[in-house]
C-alpha cells in the first residue's frame, strides 16, 4: 500500500510504494516550474524518501506530462532582487541538488516532457536518467542573462563533456530525447507506452542486486567524481567490508547452487 507525504504545500510529494520512493514535482499548471518553496523543501523530502528501510530505490518525476520547465520566472524579481537575496536563493538551490546527488540510495530520473534549465539541473543530480521520446532538454541561462552554477555545470560536463556543455549553454538550444541520448545526457529513451514498464524492469534489476554493492558503488563513484584516483583507508574499507559481509556469503552460495540470491542488507 502506497504512503504519500506532501511538502511545499503539495508542490512536492513523496510516495513510498514498497521498495521504491517516488519524489514527485507537483505544479502541473506551470509544467512543474521550480519555486523557492520546492528548493527549500527538497532536502527534507529526499531524506524522508530514503528513510524507510524497505526503500531501495528513489525516483524523481514531474506530474502532468512534464518533468520540470525550469525555475519559476515569476519569482525572479524577488529572489534575484539584490546580492543578499540572490545568495540565499543560490544556497537553497545548491542544498537541494546536493541532497539529490548525495543521497545514499540510488536515484533515477523519470523524464517526460520539458526538462529545461533548473529542471535539467535536478535531473543531472540523479544517478540515472531515462526519458520518453517526447521529452525535450535544454539549459537557457544565456537567453536570460544568467549563469549556470559551477556545480550544475560540473554535472553537465560529467554527462556530456566540455565541448557539448559549451554548446548547450552558449546556445540555449532545445534538444530532442534522441539527441540527449546520443550525447550521453540520458541513459535510455522509450516510447511513452513502454516507459513505465522499462523503468519498472530497471528498478527490478537494481532492487534484486545486493544493496551493499549498490550503495558502495555509489560511494566509490562519488569519490572518483570528487577527484580521488588512488585507494585510501575509506575506499579499502568498502572493499574489505564487502568481502566480510553477509551479502557476499549469500551471493557466493547462490552462484554455486545456481539459484537467485536472497540478499538481506538494507
Protein backbone atom coordinates (compact mmCIF):
# COMPACT_ATOMS: atom_id res chain seq x y z
CA UNK A 1 0.00 0.00 0.00
CA UNK A 2 1.40 3.39 -1.04
CA UNK A 3 2.06 6.10 1.52
CA UNK A 4 2.17 9.76 0.47
CA UNK A 5 3.74 12.74 2.23
CA UNK A 6 3.36 16.32 0.95
CA UNK A 7 5.89 19.15 1.09
CA UNK A 8 5.86 22.78 -0.04
CA UNK A 9 2.05 22.97 0.21
CA UNK A 10 1.69 19.96 -2.05
CA UNK A 11 4.07 21.21 -4.76
CA UNK A 12 6.39 18.32 -3.87
CA UNK A 13 5.28 14.85 -2.83
CA UNK A 14 6.91 11.62 -1.68
CA UNK A 15 5.09 8.40 -2.49
CA UNK A 16 6.50 5.26 -0.90
CA UNK A 17 5.49 2.19 -2.88
CA UNK A 18 7.18 -0.84 -1.35
CA UNK A 19 10.84 -0.81 -2.35
CA UNK A 20 10.50 2.44 -4.33
CA UNK A 21 10.05 6.01 -3.11
CA UNK A 22 8.83 8.43 -5.80
CA UNK A 23 9.67 12.13 -5.45
CA UNK A 24 7.02 13.97 -7.47
CA UNK A 25 7.16 17.62 -8.57
CA UNK A 26 3.53 18.68 -8.49
CA UNK A 27 2.89 22.04 -10.13
CA UNK A 28 1.36 20.84 -13.41
CA UNK A 29 -0.16 24.23 -14.20
CA UNK A 30 3.36 25.64 -14.56
CA UNK A 31 4.85 22.47 -16.10
CA UNK A 32 6.40 21.96 -12.65
CA UNK A 33 8.38 25.21 -12.60
CA UNK A 34 10.60 25.08 -9.54
CA UNK A 35 9.69 27.70 -6.98
CA UNK A 36 11.57 28.68 -3.85
CA UNK A 37 9.29 26.51 -1.70
CA UNK A 38 10.30 23.38 -3.66
CA UNK A 39 14.01 24.21 -3.46
CA UNK A 40 13.66 24.73 0.29
CA UNK A 41 11.72 21.51 0.86
CA UNK A 42 13.75 19.17 -1.34
CA UNK A 43 16.44 18.20 1.23
CA UNK A 44 13.78 17.21 3.77
CA UNK A 45 11.76 15.38 1.12
CA UNK A 46 14.80 13.43 -0.09
CA UNK A 47 15.61 12.40 3.47
CA UNK A 48 12.02 11.29 4.02
CA UNK A 49 12.04 9.28 0.79
CA UNK A 50 15.27 7.48 1.70
CA UNK A 51 14.44 6.88 5.36
CA UNK A 52 12.30 3.69 5.22
CA UNK A 53 14.48 0.59 5.41
CA UNK A 54 12.21 -1.11 2.90
CA UNK A 55 13.04 1.51 0.24
CA UNK A 56 15.87 0.52 -2.10
CA UNK A 57 15.43 2.96 -4.99
CA UNK A 58 14.32 6.59 -5.25
CA UNK A 59 12.87 8.14 -8.39
CA UNK A 60 12.26 11.77 -9.37
CA UNK A 61 9.50 12.79 -11.77
CA UNK A 62 7.06 15.54 -12.64
CA UNK A 63 3.26 15.43 -12.77
CA UNK A 64 1.05 16.46 -15.65
CA UNK A 65 3.28 15.37 -18.52
CA UNK A 66 6.39 17.48 -17.80
CA UNK A 67 9.48 16.86 -15.70
CA UNK A 68 10.30 20.49 -14.86
CA UNK A 69 10.24 23.52 -17.16
CA UNK A 70 12.87 25.44 -15.17
CA UNK A 71 12.94 27.82 -12.24
CA UNK A 72 9.75 29.79 -11.63
CA UNK A 73 10.38 33.02 -13.51
CA UNK A 74 7.53 34.77 -11.68
CA UNK A 75 9.76 34.78 -8.58
CA UNK A 76 12.86 36.17 -10.29
CA UNK A 77 12.28 39.81 -9.41
CA UNK A 78 12.11 38.87 -5.73
CA UNK A 79 14.72 36.11 -5.42
CA UNK A 80 17.29 37.95 -7.56
CA UNK A 81 16.42 41.32 -6.02
CA UNK A 82 19.86 42.07 -4.59
CA UNK A 83 23.11 40.37 -3.60
CA UNK A 84 21.72 39.07 -0.31
CA UNK A 85 18.54 37.57 -1.77
CA UNK A 86 20.46 36.12 -4.72
CA UNK A 87 22.96 34.46 -2.39
CA UNK A 88 20.19 33.00 -0.25
CA UNK A 89 18.34 31.65 -3.30
CA UNK A 90 21.50 30.13 -4.77
CA UNK A 91 22.25 28.43 -1.44
CA UNK A 92 18.78 26.81 -1.44
CA UNK A 93 19.26 25.52 -4.98
CA UNK A 94 22.68 24.11 -4.10
CA UNK A 95 21.35 22.39 -0.96
CA UNK A 96 18.52 20.83 -2.98
CA UNK A 97 20.67 19.46 -5.80
CA UNK A 98 23.32 18.22 -3.37
CA UNK A 99 20.64 16.39 -1.37
CA UNK A 100 19.69 14.56 -4.56
CA UNK A 101 23.26 13.82 -5.60
CA UNK A 102 24.44 12.70 -2.16
CA UNK A 103 21.52 10.53 -1.03
CA UNK A 104 22.91 7.09 -0.17
CA UNK A 105 20.37 5.11 -2.18
CA UNK A 106 20.25 5.12 -6.00
CA UNK A 107 18.12 7.85 -7.57
CA UNK A 108 16.57 7.59 -11.04
CA UNK A 109 15.03 10.47 -13.01
CA UNK A 110 11.81 9.60 -14.89
CA UNK A 111 11.69 12.33 -17.55
CA UNK A 112 8.61 13.22 -19.58
CA UNK A 113 8.04 16.48 -21.45
CA UNK A 114 10.12 19.53 -20.60
CA UNK A 115 13.40 19.06 -18.71
CA UNK A 116 14.87 22.53 -19.01
CA UNK A 117 17.15 24.88 -17.07
CA UNK A 118 16.75 24.20 -13.37
CA UNK A 119 14.79 21.07 -14.28
CA UNK A 120 17.81 19.77 -16.15
CA UNK A 121 19.94 20.61 -13.11
CA UNK A 122 17.70 18.37 -10.98
CA UNK A 123 17.91 15.53 -13.50
CA UNK A 124 21.70 15.82 -13.63
CA UNK A 125 21.86 15.37 -9.84
CA UNK A 126 20.27 11.92 -10.23
CA UNK A 127 22.32 8.76 -10.73
CA UNK A 128 20.49 7.66 -13.88
CA UNK A 129 18.15 9.44 -16.30
CA UNK A 130 15.51 7.86 -18.55
CA UNK A 131 13.14 9.70 -20.85
CA UNK A 132 10.18 9.30 -23.16
CA UNK A 133 10.62 10.13 -26.83
CA UNK A 134 8.56 13.30 -26.27
CA UNK A 135 10.98 14.73 -23.68
CA UNK A 136 12.89 17.90 -24.51
CA UNK A 137 16.11 19.12 -22.90
CA UNK A 138 17.94 22.42 -22.64
CA UNK A 139 19.61 24.99 -20.41
CA UNK A 140 18.80 28.59 -21.43
CA UNK A 141 20.55 30.82 -18.85
CA UNK A 142 22.30 32.60 -21.73
CA UNK A 143 18.88 33.71 -23.00
CA UNK A 144 18.11 35.24 -19.61
CA UNK A 145 21.46 36.82 -18.80
CA UNK A 146 22.04 34.26 -16.05
CA UNK A 147 24.82 31.72 -15.45
CA UNK A 148 24.53 28.01 -14.66
CA UNK A 149 26.22 27.45 -11.31
CA UNK A 150 29.63 25.77 -11.17
CA UNK A 151 28.07 22.71 -9.53
CA UNK A 152 25.33 22.36 -12.16
CA UNK A 153 27.88 22.95 -14.93
CA UNK A 154 30.20 20.33 -13.46
CA UNK A 155 27.40 17.75 -13.57
CA UNK A 156 26.62 18.68 -17.16
CA UNK A 157 30.30 18.31 -18.13
CA UNK A 158 30.40 14.90 -16.45
CA UNK A 159 27.41 13.82 -18.53
CA UNK A 160 28.22 15.18 -21.98
CA UNK A 161 31.80 16.53 -21.96
CA UNK A 162 33.23 20.02 -22.07
CA UNK A 163 32.55 20.98 -25.69
CA UNK A 164 28.93 19.81 -25.71
CA UNK A 165 28.36 21.60 -22.40
CA UNK A 166 29.53 24.82 -24.03
CA UNK A 167 27.21 24.26 -26.98
CA UNK A 168 24.22 23.64 -24.68
CA UNK A 169 24.90 26.71 -22.54
CA UNK A 170 26.10 29.04 -25.31
CA UNK A 171 23.04 28.46 -27.49
CA UNK A 172 20.24 27.70 -25.03
CA UNK A 173 19.06 25.23 -27.68
CA UNK A 174 16.34 22.64 -27.05
CA UNK A 175 17.32 19.04 -27.79
CA UNK A 176 15.18 16.02 -28.58
CA UNK A 177 15.29 12.93 -26.40
CA UNK A 178 17.17 11.08 -29.14
CA UNK A 179 19.81 13.84 -29.28
CA UNK A 180 20.06 13.77 -25.48
CA UNK A 181 20.67 10.02 -25.61
CA UNK A 182 23.32 10.37 -28.31
CA UNK A 183 25.28 12.92 -26.28
CA UNK A 184 25.01 10.97 -23.01
CA UNK A 185 22.61 13.32 -21.28
CA UNK A 186 20.17 10.46 -20.64
CA UNK A 187 20.72 6.72 -20.29
CA UNK A 188 17.70 5.47 -22.21
CA UNK A 189 14.73 6.69 -24.29
CA UNK A 190 11.42 4.86 -24.69
CA UNK A 191 8.04 5.44 -26.34
CA UNK A 192 5.51 6.72 -23.82
CA UNK A 193 3.56 3.46 -23.91
CA UNK A 194 6.66 1.45 -22.97
CA UNK A 195 8.18 3.89 -20.50
CA UNK A 196 6.77 2.73 -17.17
CA UNK A 197 7.40 -0.93 -17.98
CA UNK A 198 11.01 -0.16 -18.92
CA UNK A 199 11.59 1.80 -15.71
CA UNK A 200 9.95 -0.93 -13.64
CA UNK A 201 12.23 -3.53 -15.24
CA UNK A 202 15.32 -1.44 -14.48
CA UNK A 203 14.21 -0.83 -10.89
CA UNK A 204 13.61 -4.56 -10.51
CA UNK A 205 17.19 -5.30 -11.53
CA UNK A 206 18.54 -2.73 -9.05
CA UNK A 207 16.37 -3.91 -6.15
CA UNK A 208 17.34 -7.53 -6.73
CA UNK A 209 21.05 -6.69 -6.58
CA UNK A 210 22.98 -6.51 -3.32
CA UNK A 211 22.15 -3.18 -1.74
CA UNK A 212 25.55 -3.22 -0.06
CA UNK A 213 27.12 -3.36 -3.51
CA UNK A 214 24.79 -0.74 -5.00
CA UNK A 215 25.37 1.82 -2.25
CA UNK A 216 29.09 1.13 -2.03
CA UNK A 217 29.33 1.63 -5.79
CA UNK A 218 27.57 4.97 -5.44
CA UNK A 219 30.02 5.95 -2.69
CA UNK A 220 33.05 4.91 -4.75
CA UNK A 221 31.90 6.71 -7.90
CA UNK A 222 31.26 9.84 -5.81
CA UNK A 223 34.88 9.69 -4.66
CA UNK A 224 36.08 9.36 -8.25
CA UNK A 225 33.86 12.28 -9.28
CA UNK A 226 35.46 14.29 -6.49
CA UNK A 227 38.93 13.67 -7.94
CA UNK A 228 40.14 10.66 -5.98
CA UNK A 229 42.29 8.36 -8.12
CA UNK A 230 44.10 6.18 -5.59
CA UNK A 231 42.90 3.98 -2.77
CA UNK A 232 42.71 5.31 0.77
CA UNK A 233 41.62 3.80 4.08
CA UNK A 234 37.95 4.56 3.43
CA UNK A 235 37.85 3.04 -0.05
CA UNK A 236 39.81 -0.01 1.11
CA UNK A 237 37.32 -0.42 3.96
CA UNK A 238 34.43 -0.55 1.47
CA UNK A 239 36.17 -3.32 -0.48
CA UNK A 240 37.13 -5.30 2.62
CA UNK A 241 33.73 -4.78 4.20
CA UNK A 242 32.04 -6.36 1.21
CA UNK A 243 34.22 -9.45 1.41
CA UNK A 244 33.28 -9.90 5.08
CA UNK A 245 29.59 -9.14 4.59
CA UNK A 246 26.56 -11.39 4.61
CA UNK A 247 25.57 -10.35 1.08
CA UNK A 248 28.82 -11.71 -0.34
CA UNK A 249 28.33 -15.00 1.51
CA UNK A 250 24.82 -15.26 0.10
CA UNK A 251 25.87 -14.21 -3.40
CA UNK A 252 28.67 -16.77 -3.46
CA UNK A 253 26.40 -19.53 -2.18
CA UNK A 254 23.68 -18.67 -4.70
CA UNK A 255 26.20 -18.75 -7.55
CA UNK A 256 27.48 -22.18 -6.54
CA UNK A 257 23.95 -23.50 -6.02
CA UNK A 258 22.73 -21.98 -9.31
CA UNK A 259 19.82 -20.10 -7.71
CA UNK A 260 18.82 -16.42 -7.37
CA UNK A 261 20.45 -14.77 -4.35
CA UNK A 262 18.39 -13.64 -1.37
CA UNK A 263 20.27 -10.61 -0.08
CA UNK A 264 19.43 -9.27 3.38
CA UNK A 265 21.35 -5.98 3.65
CA UNK A 266 19.09 -2.93 4.00
